């Protein structure tokens, strides 16, 4: 019985350490990752331009898959 308790303690200690570290890291990361408005605006602009490029590449091809119609 004592051996089982020692094994459980040996396994539980690293698991608790990893869980504690990950929660500490995530709390610290969310506290320091506040996006300034300029960073957020630049990210939105990048996504908008990527969507425009994807749309421009698909213009002229019909949705039925029958080739170029434009």
N, C-alpha and C. Protein backbone atom coordinates (compact mmCIF):
# COMPACT_ATOMS: atom_id res chain seq x y z
N UNK A 1 0.82 -1.19 0.00
CA UNK A 1 0.00 0.00 0.00
C UNK A 1 0.87 1.27 0.00
N UNK A 2 1.95 1.23 0.75
CA UNK A 2 2.84 2.38 0.82
C UNK A 2 3.50 2.62 -0.54
N UNK A 3 3.84 1.55 -1.23
CA UNK A 3 4.47 1.68 -2.54
C UNK A 3 3.52 2.37 -3.52
N UNK A 4 2.25 2.03 -3.46
CA UNK A 4 1.25 2.64 -4.33
C UNK A 4 1.14 4.14 -4.07
N UNK A 5 1.16 4.53 -2.81
CA UNK A 5 1.08 5.95 -2.46
C UNK A 5 2.32 6.70 -2.94
N UNK A 6 3.47 6.08 -2.83
CA UNK A 6 4.71 6.73 -3.30
C UNK A 6 4.66 6.89 -4.81
N UNK A 7 4.20 5.88 -5.52
CA UNK A 7 4.10 5.97 -6.98
C UNK A 7 3.12 7.07 -7.38
N UNK A 8 1.98 7.13 -6.72
CA UNK A 8 1.01 8.17 -7.01
C UNK A 8 1.58 9.56 -6.74
N UNK A 9 2.32 9.70 -5.66
CA UNK A 9 2.92 10.99 -5.34
C UNK A 9 3.97 11.38 -6.38
N UNK A 10 4.76 10.41 -6.82
CA UNK A 10 5.80 10.69 -7.80
C UNK A 10 5.18 11.09 -9.14
N UNK A 11 4.06 10.49 -9.49
CA UNK A 11 3.38 10.84 -10.74
C UNK A 11 2.63 12.16 -10.60
N UNK A 12 2.00 12.39 -9.47
CA UNK A 12 1.18 13.58 -9.27
C UNK A 12 2.02 14.85 -9.20
N UNK A 13 3.21 14.77 -8.67
CA UNK A 13 4.05 15.96 -8.52
C UNK A 13 4.41 16.59 -9.87
N UNK A 14 4.93 15.85 -10.85
CA UNK A 14 5.22 16.48 -12.15
C UNK A 14 3.95 16.97 -12.86
N UNK A 15 2.86 16.23 -12.73
CA UNK A 15 1.62 16.66 -13.36
C UNK A 15 1.16 17.99 -12.77
N UNK A 16 1.22 18.12 -11.46
CA UNK A 16 0.83 19.37 -10.81
C UNK A 16 1.78 20.50 -11.21
N UNK A 17 3.06 20.20 -11.36
CA UNK A 17 4.02 21.23 -11.77
C UNK A 17 3.73 21.70 -13.18
N UNK A 18 3.42 20.79 -14.09
CA UNK A 18 3.13 21.16 -15.47
C UNK A 18 1.85 21.98 -15.54
N UNK A 19 0.82 21.56 -14.83
CA UNK A 19 -0.45 22.30 -14.82
C UNK A 19 -0.24 23.69 -14.25
N UNK A 20 0.52 23.81 -13.19
CA UNK A 20 0.80 25.12 -12.60
C UNK A 20 1.58 26.01 -13.53
N UNK A 21 2.58 25.45 -14.20
CA UNK A 21 3.38 26.24 -15.13
C UNK A 21 2.54 26.73 -16.31
N UNK A 22 1.74 25.86 -16.87
CA UNK A 22 0.94 26.24 -18.03
C UNK A 22 -0.07 27.32 -17.65
N UNK A 23 -0.71 27.19 -16.50
CA UNK A 23 -1.67 28.22 -16.09
C UNK A 23 -0.96 29.55 -15.81
N UNK A 24 0.22 29.49 -15.21
CA UNK A 24 0.98 30.72 -14.95
C UNK A 24 1.40 31.37 -16.26
N UNK A 25 1.88 30.55 -17.21
CA UNK A 25 2.31 31.07 -18.50
C UNK A 25 1.14 31.71 -19.26
N UNK A 26 -0.02 31.06 -19.24
CA UNK A 26 -1.18 31.59 -19.95
C UNK A 26 -1.67 32.89 -19.31
N UNK A 27 -1.66 32.96 -18.00
CA UNK A 27 -2.06 34.20 -17.33
C UNK A 27 -1.11 35.33 -17.69
N UNK A 28 0.20 35.04 -17.70
CA UNK A 28 1.18 36.06 -18.04
C UNK A 28 1.06 36.47 -19.50
N UNK A 29 0.80 35.50 -20.37
CA UNK A 29 0.70 35.79 -21.80
C UNK A 29 -0.51 36.67 -22.08
N UNK A 30 -1.65 36.40 -21.48
CA UNK A 30 -2.84 37.21 -21.74
C UNK A 30 -2.69 38.61 -21.16
N UNK A 31 -1.92 38.75 -20.11
CA UNK A 31 -1.73 40.07 -19.52
C UNK A 31 -0.82 40.95 -20.39
N UNK A 32 0.11 40.33 -21.12
CA UNK A 32 1.06 41.13 -21.91
C UNK A 32 0.70 41.19 -23.39
N UNK A 33 -0.30 40.45 -23.83
CA UNK A 33 -0.63 40.40 -25.25
C UNK A 33 -1.76 41.33 -25.65
N UNK A 34 -1.96 42.37 -24.92
CA UNK A 34 -3.01 43.32 -25.29
C UNK A 34 -2.60 43.99 -26.60
N UNK A 35 -3.43 43.83 -27.63
CA UNK A 35 -3.11 44.37 -28.94
C UNK A 35 -3.40 45.86 -29.00
N UNK A 36 -2.42 46.65 -29.41
CA UNK A 36 -2.72 48.05 -29.66
C UNK A 36 -3.63 48.17 -30.88
N UNK A 37 -4.30 49.29 -31.00
CA UNK A 37 -5.25 49.48 -32.10
C UNK A 37 -4.56 49.38 -33.45
N UNK A 38 -3.34 49.87 -33.56
CA UNK A 38 -2.63 49.83 -34.85
C UNK A 38 -2.32 48.39 -35.26
N UNK A 39 -1.94 47.54 -34.31
CA UNK A 39 -1.66 46.14 -34.61
C UNK A 39 -2.93 45.43 -35.05
N UNK A 40 -4.01 45.70 -34.35
CA UNK A 40 -5.29 45.08 -34.69
C UNK A 40 -5.75 45.53 -36.08
N UNK A 41 -5.60 46.82 -36.38
CA UNK A 41 -6.00 47.34 -37.68
C UNK A 41 -5.16 46.74 -38.80
N UNK A 42 -3.87 46.57 -38.57
CA UNK A 42 -3.00 45.97 -39.58
C UNK A 42 -3.38 44.52 -39.84
N UNK A 43 -3.71 43.79 -38.78
CA UNK A 43 -4.12 42.40 -38.95
C UNK A 43 -5.43 42.31 -39.73
N UNK A 44 -6.37 43.19 -39.44
CA UNK A 44 -7.64 43.21 -40.16
C UNK A 44 -7.41 43.52 -41.64
N UNK A 45 -6.52 44.47 -41.91
CA UNK A 45 -6.21 44.84 -43.29
C UNK A 45 -5.57 43.68 -44.05
N UNK A 46 -4.66 42.95 -43.40
CA UNK A 46 -4.05 41.78 -44.04
C UNK A 46 -5.10 40.74 -44.41
N UNK A 47 -6.02 40.49 -43.49
CA UNK A 47 -7.07 39.51 -43.77
C UNK A 47 -7.99 39.98 -44.90
N UNK A 48 -8.29 41.27 -44.92
CA UNK A 48 -9.16 41.81 -45.97
C UNK A 48 -8.50 41.67 -47.33
N UNK A 49 -7.21 42.01 -47.41
CA UNK A 49 -6.51 41.91 -48.70
C UNK A 49 -6.38 40.47 -49.17
N UNK A 50 -6.15 39.56 -48.24
CA UNK A 50 -6.07 38.14 -48.60
C UNK A 50 -7.41 37.66 -49.13
N UNK A 51 -8.50 38.10 -48.52
CA UNK A 51 -9.83 37.71 -49.00
C UNK A 51 -10.09 38.29 -50.39
N UNK A 52 -9.65 39.52 -50.63
CA UNK A 52 -9.82 40.12 -51.95
C UNK A 52 -9.03 39.36 -53.01
N UNK A 53 -7.80 38.94 -52.68
CA UNK A 53 -6.99 38.18 -53.63
C UNK A 53 -7.66 36.84 -53.95
N UNK A 54 -8.17 36.19 -52.94
CA UNK A 54 -8.82 34.90 -53.16
C UNK A 54 -10.06 35.07 -54.02
N UNK A 55 -10.80 36.14 -53.80
CA UNK A 55 -12.01 36.39 -54.60
C UNK A 55 -11.64 36.73 -56.04
N UNK A 56 -10.60 37.52 -56.24
CA UNK A 56 -10.20 37.91 -57.59
C UNK A 56 -9.73 36.69 -58.38
N UNK A 57 -9.12 35.74 -57.72
CA UNK A 57 -8.65 34.54 -58.42
C UNK A 57 -9.80 33.65 -58.83
N UNK A 58 -10.92 33.74 -58.14
CA UNK A 58 -12.04 32.85 -58.48
C UNK A 58 -13.05 33.54 -59.40
N UNK A 59 -12.91 34.82 -59.68
CA UNK A 59 -13.84 35.50 -60.59
C UNK A 59 -13.72 34.89 -61.99
N UNK A 60 -14.83 34.75 -62.67
CA UNK A 60 -14.81 34.22 -64.02
C UNK A 60 -15.10 32.73 -64.07
N UNK A 61 -14.93 32.03 -62.96
CA UNK A 61 -15.23 30.60 -62.94
C UNK A 61 -16.59 30.44 -62.31
N UNK A 62 -17.49 29.79 -63.01
CA UNK A 62 -18.84 29.66 -62.46
C UNK A 62 -18.86 28.65 -61.32
N UNK A 63 -19.91 28.69 -60.56
CA UNK A 63 -20.00 27.84 -59.38
C UNK A 63 -20.31 26.39 -59.73
N UNK A 64 -20.82 26.14 -60.95
CA UNK A 64 -21.15 24.78 -61.31
C UNK A 64 -19.94 23.95 -61.75
N UNK A 65 -18.79 24.58 -61.90
CA UNK A 65 -17.58 23.87 -62.27
C UNK A 65 -17.48 23.59 -63.76
N UNK A 66 -18.16 24.39 -64.59
CA UNK A 66 -18.15 24.16 -66.03
C UNK A 66 -17.18 25.05 -66.77
N UNK A 67 -16.21 25.57 -66.08
CA UNK A 67 -15.17 26.31 -66.76
C UNK A 67 -15.36 27.82 -66.70
N UNK A 68 -14.53 28.49 -67.46
CA UNK A 68 -14.49 29.95 -67.45
C UNK A 68 -15.68 30.52 -68.19
N UNK A 69 -16.38 31.45 -67.54
CA UNK A 69 -17.58 32.04 -68.15
C UNK A 69 -17.45 33.54 -68.35
N UNK A 70 -16.31 34.11 -68.00
CA UNK A 70 -16.20 35.56 -68.07
C UNK A 70 -15.38 35.99 -69.14
